[in-house]
Amino acid sequence: MQVSVVVASLVGAPFIDRCLASLESEAKAFGAEVIVVACGSKDYAERIARQFPWTRVVHRPERETVPELRRHGVLESKGEIVAIIEEHCTAGKNWLRHAVEGHRRGDYGAVGGPVVDNNYGRLRDWVVYYIEYNGYMPPFAEGEAWDLNGANIAYKRSVLLAHQHLLAGGYWEASLHPALLANKVKFLSLPEMKAHHTGPFDFGYYLEQRYLFSRAFAGSRSKGMPAPKKLAYLAAAPLIPAVLLARIGARVWQKRCHPGKFLLASPLISVALIAYVWGEWIGYLAGPGDALMKVE
């Protein structure tokens, strides 16, 4: 079963370097093609090609969104299975083997696993982890699933091509995955298929990114939304950060995922959740603008 790995790269070093280094030995052992879709200068793309000559670098000189970059990678790929990993992540042990074995277990359109912390030394990196990946922390249940994270997932290429009109339109969990499930595509969760989310992230940078993503998501979602429903969200927005903080805390406690770190990081998490809701508020009120183009 031929495998392709697609990595969209906007942020660059040190993230992309760590990600590719984590893939190298297993990709070579599998004979997997690794496609890096590098957005930015030609020098940046050439640097990746020189440093990681076993990859295939697709250069996109103009600014594009992460979903658009992934779409280019999917269309360039040749494997029956297309594995996606975010450049902010590193592949866990036997990542590709678990992905391939998962697909061999049945007629699954996508298989994926948990996103694991990297034992961060700074509270601000725990903030990013808890907000972005609180639904995908270990321990991770094994079996048929309805929710997998786009940072750590492997699809049947045929499934992606059948839905390629959705690949560039927003983050995949929000647009592609609901369409797949509606079309009876089955998902499989695999606890062993781990990706590690790495840092460090500047806190101000993260607040900006969280705002931009939330605005883009809400702005797209609000198109065609009835005005009363939109107004109800706008009115309830001040309460939402507290609700989200409680929900994340419940998941952390349930999974015993470093609850002490969560408590210490809670004040910073609260600030980030306010940025999250503020982005959604503006998105519902004024639309997405060019926010998605600025998301990294």
Protein backbone atom coordinates (compact mmCIF):
# COMPACT_ATOMS: atom_id res chain seq x y z
CA MET A 1 0.00 0.00 0.00
CA GLN A 2 1.81 3.11 -1.23
CA VAL A 3 1.82 6.05 1.17
CA SER A 4 2.24 9.78 0.68
CA VAL A 5 2.80 12.28 3.49
CA VAL A 6 1.80 15.91 2.96
CA VAL A 7 3.16 18.72 5.13
CA ALA A 8 2.01 22.30 4.52
CA SER A 9 4.66 24.80 5.58
CA LEU A 10 4.02 28.46 6.32
CA VAL A 11 5.83 28.98 9.61
CA GLY A 12 9.18 27.42 8.73
CA ALA A 13 12.11 26.69 11.03
CA PRO A 14 12.46 25.23 13.58
CA PHE A 15 9.03 23.59 13.23
CA ILE A 16 9.31 22.19 9.71
CA ASP A 17 12.83 20.88 10.40
CA ARG A 18 11.74 18.96 13.50
CA CYS A 19 8.68 17.61 11.72
CA LEU A 20 10.65 16.30 8.74
CA ALA A 21 13.43 14.88 10.94
CA SER A 22 10.78 12.86 12.81
CA LEU A 23 9.49 11.40 9.53
CA GLU A 24 12.77 10.58 7.81
CA SER A 25 13.65 7.06 8.96
CA GLU A 26 10.16 5.62 8.75
CA ALA A 27 9.38 7.31 5.41
CA LYS A 28 12.53 5.81 3.92
CA ALA A 29 11.75 2.38 5.36
CA PHE A 30 8.24 2.50 3.88
CA GLY A 31 9.34 3.99 0.60
CA ALA A 32 6.80 6.74 1.28
CA GLU A 33 6.91 10.00 -0.61
CA VAL A 34 7.00 13.07 1.61
CA ILE A 35 5.66 16.21 -0.06
CA VAL A 36 6.39 19.56 1.55
CA VAL A 37 4.24 22.36 0.15
CA ALA A 38 6.38 25.37 1.02
CA CYS A 39 4.75 28.79 0.89
CA GLY A 40 7.01 31.81 0.62
CA SER A 41 10.33 32.66 -0.93
CA LYS A 42 12.14 30.46 -3.41
CA ASP A 43 15.15 30.47 -1.09
CA TYR A 44 13.03 28.92 1.66
CA ALA A 45 11.80 26.11 -0.59
CA GLU A 46 15.32 25.47 -1.89
CA ARG A 47 16.69 25.33 1.66
CA ILE A 48 14.23 22.57 2.56
CA ALA A 49 15.09 20.65 -0.62
CA ARG A 50 18.80 20.87 0.15
CA GLN A 51 18.53 19.94 3.82
CA PHE A 52 15.96 17.17 3.26
CA PRO A 53 16.77 15.80 -0.21
CA TRP A 54 14.53 12.75 0.32
CA THR A 55 11.44 15.00 0.27
CA ARG A 56 9.65 16.49 -2.73
CA VAL A 57 9.20 20.22 -2.29
CA VAL A 58 6.32 21.99 -4.02
CA HIS A 59 6.95 25.74 -3.99
CA ARG A 60 4.00 28.14 -3.76
CA PRO A 61 5.35 31.70 -4.00
CA GLU A 62 2.12 33.53 -3.22
CA ARG A 63 0.50 33.56 0.18
CA GLU A 64 -2.08 30.76 0.49
CA THR A 65 -4.00 29.21 3.37
CA VAL A 66 -2.95 25.99 5.04
CA PRO A 67 -5.95 24.10 3.52
CA GLU A 68 -4.98 25.37 0.06
CA LEU A 69 -1.39 24.21 0.55
CA ARG A 70 -2.60 20.79 1.68
CA ARG A 71 -4.82 20.57 -1.37
CA HIS A 72 -1.83 21.13 -3.65
CA GLY A 73 0.00 18.35 -1.83
CA VAL A 74 -2.92 15.94 -2.17
CA LEU A 75 -3.16 16.58 -5.90
CA GLU A 76 0.59 16.02 -6.28
CA SER A 77 0.55 12.79 -4.25
CA LYS A 78 0.60 9.29 -5.69
CA GLY A 79 -0.06 7.07 -2.67
CA GLU A 80 -3.26 5.17 -1.96
CA ILE A 81 -3.01 6.64 1.53
CA VAL A 82 -2.33 10.35 2.12
CA ALA A 83 -1.14 11.10 5.64
CA ILE A 84 -1.32 14.68 6.92
CA ILE A 85 0.78 16.04 9.75
CA GLU A 86 1.04 19.67 10.82
CA GLU A 87 4.47 21.27 10.68
CA HIS A 88 4.01 22.20 14.37
CA CYS A 89 4.00 18.47 15.17
CA THR A 90 6.45 15.58 15.13
CA ALA A 91 5.50 12.03 14.25
CA GLY A 92 5.47 9.49 17.06
CA LYS A 93 7.10 6.07 16.94
CA ASN A 94 5.80 3.91 14.06
CA TRP A 95 3.42 6.66 12.98
CA LEU A 96 3.15 5.51 9.37
CA ARG A 97 2.94 1.84 10.30
CA HIS A 98 -0.02 2.49 12.57
CA ALA A 99 -1.71 4.55 9.86
CA VAL A 100 -1.31 1.83 7.23
CA GLU A 101 -2.38 -0.95 9.59
CA GLY A 102 -5.44 1.07 10.54
CA HIS A 103 -6.53 1.30 6.92
CA ARG A 104 -6.02 -2.43 6.51
CA ARG A 105 -8.46 -3.13 9.34
CA GLY A 106 -11.52 -2.17 7.33
CA ASP A 107 -13.16 0.20 4.92
CA TYR A 108 -12.13 3.42 6.63
CA GLY A 109 -11.82 6.71 4.79
CA ALA A 110 -9.62 8.22 7.50
CA VAL A 111 -7.64 7.02 10.49
CA GLY A 112 -6.02 9.22 13.12
CA GLY A 113 -4.75 9.42 16.63
CA PRO A 114 -4.11 11.70 19.59
CA VAL A 115 -2.07 14.86 19.66
CA VAL A 116 0.34 14.55 22.59
CA ASP A 117 2.03 17.31 24.54
CA ASN A 118 5.79 17.80 24.34
CA ASN A 119 6.34 18.25 28.09
CA TYR A 120 6.62 21.99 27.63
CA GLY A 121 8.74 24.08 29.93
CA ARG A 122 6.69 27.26 29.47
CA LEU A 123 3.08 27.84 30.52
CA ARG A 124 2.27 29.68 27.28
CA ASP A 125 2.91 26.48 25.32
CA TRP A 126 0.49 24.58 27.54
CA VAL A 127 -2.06 27.28 26.70
CA VAL A 128 -1.76 26.49 22.99
CA TYR A 129 -1.95 22.76 23.61
CA TYR A 130 -4.99 22.85 25.89
CA ILE A 131 -7.00 25.20 23.67
CA GLU A 132 -6.17 23.62 20.32
CA TYR A 133 -6.05 19.94 21.23
CA ASN A 134 -8.13 19.42 24.36
CA GLY A 135 -10.47 17.10 22.44
CA TYR A 136 -7.58 14.97 21.18
CA MET A 137 -5.47 14.45 24.29
CA PRO A 138 -4.49 10.94 25.37
CA PRO A 139 -5.75 8.55 26.54
CA PHE A 140 -7.52 8.13 23.22
CA ALA A 141 -10.30 5.61 22.71
CA GLU A 142 -9.77 3.03 19.97
CA GLY A 143 -12.47 2.26 17.43
CA GLU A 144 -14.88 3.85 15.01
CA ALA A 145 -15.01 7.60 15.58
CA TRP A 146 -16.76 10.73 14.38
CA ASP A 147 -14.05 13.25 15.20
CA LEU A 148 -10.37 13.18 14.21
CA ASN A 149 -7.84 16.00 14.22
CA GLY A 150 -6.46 17.29 10.92
CA ALA A 151 -2.97 17.64 12.39
CA ASN A 152 -2.59 13.85 12.72
CA ILE A 153 -4.61 11.89 10.18
CA ALA A 154 -4.30 9.59 7.16
CA TYR A 155 -6.96 9.48 4.44
CA LYS A 156 -7.66 7.26 1.50
CA ARG A 157 -6.57 9.41 -1.43
CA SER A 158 -9.67 8.42 -3.37
CA VAL A 159 -11.85 9.89 -0.60
CA LEU A 160 -9.98 13.20 -0.71
CA LEU A 161 -10.20 13.42 -4.48
CA ALA A 162 -13.93 12.75 -4.37
CA HIS A 163 -14.28 15.79 -2.08
CA GLN A 164 -11.51 17.98 -3.49
CA HIS A 165 -13.91 20.91 -3.91
CA LEU A 166 -13.87 21.16 -0.09
CA LEU A 167 -10.13 20.83 0.49
CA ALA A 168 -9.26 24.52 0.21
CA GLY A 169 -12.32 25.91 1.98
CA GLY A 170 -11.47 26.37 5.63
CA TYR A 171 -9.86 24.02 8.11
CA TRP A 172 -10.70 20.42 7.34
CA GLU A 173 -12.34 19.55 10.64
CA ALA A 174 -14.91 22.28 10.00
CA SER A 175 -15.68 21.69 6.31
CA LEU A 176 -14.32 18.40 4.99
CA HIS A 177 -14.99 16.07 7.92
CA PRO A 178 -18.72 16.81 8.30
CA ALA A 179 -19.15 16.18 4.57
CA LEU A 180 -17.29 12.87 4.79
CA LEU A 181 -19.41 11.70 7.72
CA ALA A 182 -22.59 12.79 5.94
CA ASN A 183 -21.52 10.64 2.99
CA LYS A 184 -21.06 7.59 5.27
CA VAL A 185 -17.25 7.69 5.22
CA LYS A 186 -16.01 5.87 8.32
CA PHE A 187 -13.32 7.20 10.69
CA LEU A 188 -11.07 5.06 12.90
CA SER A 189 -9.27 6.35 16.00
CA LEU A 190 -5.95 4.72 16.91
CA PRO A 191 -4.36 5.47 20.30
CA GLU A 192 -0.93 4.32 19.04
CA MET A 193 -0.85 6.77 16.11
CA LYS A 194 0.61 9.69 18.03
CA ALA A 195 1.77 13.11 16.94
CA HIS A 196 3.55 15.41 19.37
CA HIS A 197 2.68 19.09 19.31
CA THR A 198 5.84 21.16 19.71
CA GLY A 199 6.65 24.73 20.74
CA PRO A 200 7.67 27.35 21.57
CA PHE A 201 5.02 29.92 20.65
CA ASP A 202 5.11 33.60 21.52
CA PHE A 203 1.94 34.37 23.48
CA GLY A 204 1.12 37.51 21.50
CA TYR A 205 1.56 35.62 18.25
CA TYR A 206 -0.78 32.91 19.45
CA LEU A 207 -3.45 35.40 20.52
CA GLU A 208 -3.38 36.94 17.05
CA GLN A 209 -3.57 33.54 15.36
CA ARG A 210 -6.42 32.43 17.60
CA TYR A 211 -8.36 35.61 16.79
CA LEU A 212 -7.77 35.23 13.04
CA PHE A 213 -8.81 31.59 12.92
CA SER A 214 -11.95 32.25 14.97
CA ARG A 215 -12.95 35.19 12.78
CA ALA A 216 -12.41 33.18 9.60
CA PHE A 217 -14.39 30.22 10.93
CA ALA A 218 -17.30 32.25 12.27
CA GLY A 219 -17.41 34.50 9.23
CA SER A 220 -17.73 31.53 6.92
CA ARG A 221 -20.21 29.77 9.18
CA SER A 222 -22.44 32.82 9.45
CA LYS A 223 -23.15 33.03 5.72
CA GLY A 224 -26.83 32.31 5.32
CA MET A 225 -27.32 32.00 9.10
CA PRO A 226 -30.70 33.39 10.24
CA ALA A 227 -30.36 36.79 11.88
CA PRO A 228 -32.01 35.72 15.21
CA LYS A 229 -29.49 32.89 15.63
CA LYS A 230 -26.60 35.22 14.89
CA LEU A 231 -27.89 37.82 17.34
CA ALA A 232 -28.33 35.16 20.01
CA TYR A 233 -24.65 34.20 19.70
CA LEU A 234 -23.51 37.81 19.78
CA ALA A 235 -25.55 38.40 22.95
CA ALA A 236 -24.26 35.25 24.67
CA ALA A 237 -20.60 35.82 23.70
CA PRO A 238 -19.47 37.33 27.06
CA LEU A 239 -20.36 34.07 28.82
CA ILE A 240 -18.65 31.74 26.36
CA PRO A 241 -15.01 32.03 27.59
CA ALA A 242 -16.05 30.79 31.04
CA VAL A 243 -18.03 27.92 29.52
CA LEU A 244 -15.09 26.91 27.31
CA LEU A 245 -12.64 27.09 30.23
CA ALA A 246 -14.89 24.80 32.28
CA ARG A 247 -15.23 22.36 29.38
CA ILE A 248 -11.47 22.19 28.81
CA GLY A 249 -10.87 21.77 32.54
CA ALA A 250 -13.35 18.87 32.68
CA ARG A 251 -11.54 17.10 29.83
CA VAL A 252 -8.14 17.67 31.41
CA TRP A 253 -9.39 16.26 34.72
CA GLN A 254 -11.13 13.31 33.08
CA LYS A 255 -7.97 12.33 31.20
CA ARG A 256 -5.58 13.35 33.99
CA CYS A 257 -3.58 15.28 31.39
CA HIS A 258 -1.27 17.33 33.63
CA PRO A 259 -4.06 19.00 35.66
CA GLY A 260 -1.49 20.96 37.65
CA LYS A 261 -0.21 22.59 34.46
CA PHE A 262 -3.78 23.43 33.49
CA LEU A 263 -4.41 25.19 36.80
CA LEU A 264 -1.21 27.22 36.51
CA ALA A 265 -1.97 28.14 32.90
CA SER A 266 -5.65 28.96 33.53
CA PRO A 267 -5.21 32.78 33.67
CA LEU A 268 -3.41 32.76 30.31
CA ILE A 269 -5.93 30.28 28.89
CA SER A 270 -8.72 32.66 29.91
CA VAL A 271 -7.07 35.53 28.00
CA ALA A 272 -6.67 33.34 24.92
CA LEU A 273 -10.30 32.23 25.11
CA ILE A 274 -11.39 35.86 25.16
CA ALA A 275 -9.38 36.39 21.95
CA TYR A 276 -11.04 33.25 20.56
CA VAL A 277 -14.56 34.54 21.27
CA TRP A 278 -13.73 38.08 20.17
CA GLY A 279 -12.64 36.69 16.80
CA GLU A 280 -15.90 34.77 16.46
CA TRP A 281 -17.91 37.83 17.50
CA ILE A 282 -16.29 39.97 14.79
CA GLY A 283 -16.66 37.15 12.26
CA TYR A 284 -20.37 36.79 12.88
CA LEU A 285 -20.85 40.55 12.84
CA ALA A 286 -18.58 41.63 9.96
CA GLY A 287 -17.64 38.45 8.09
CA PRO A 288 -14.28 36.69 7.71
CA GLY A 289 -12.41 39.46 5.89
CA ASP A 290 -8.95 38.18 4.92
CA ALA A 291 -8.40 36.43 8.26
CA LEU A 292 -7.86 32.91 6.85
CA MET A 293 -5.07 34.16 4.60
CA LYS A 294 -3.17 35.25 7.73
CA VAL A 295 -3.59 31.99 9.67
CA GLU A 296 -0.38 29.98 10.02
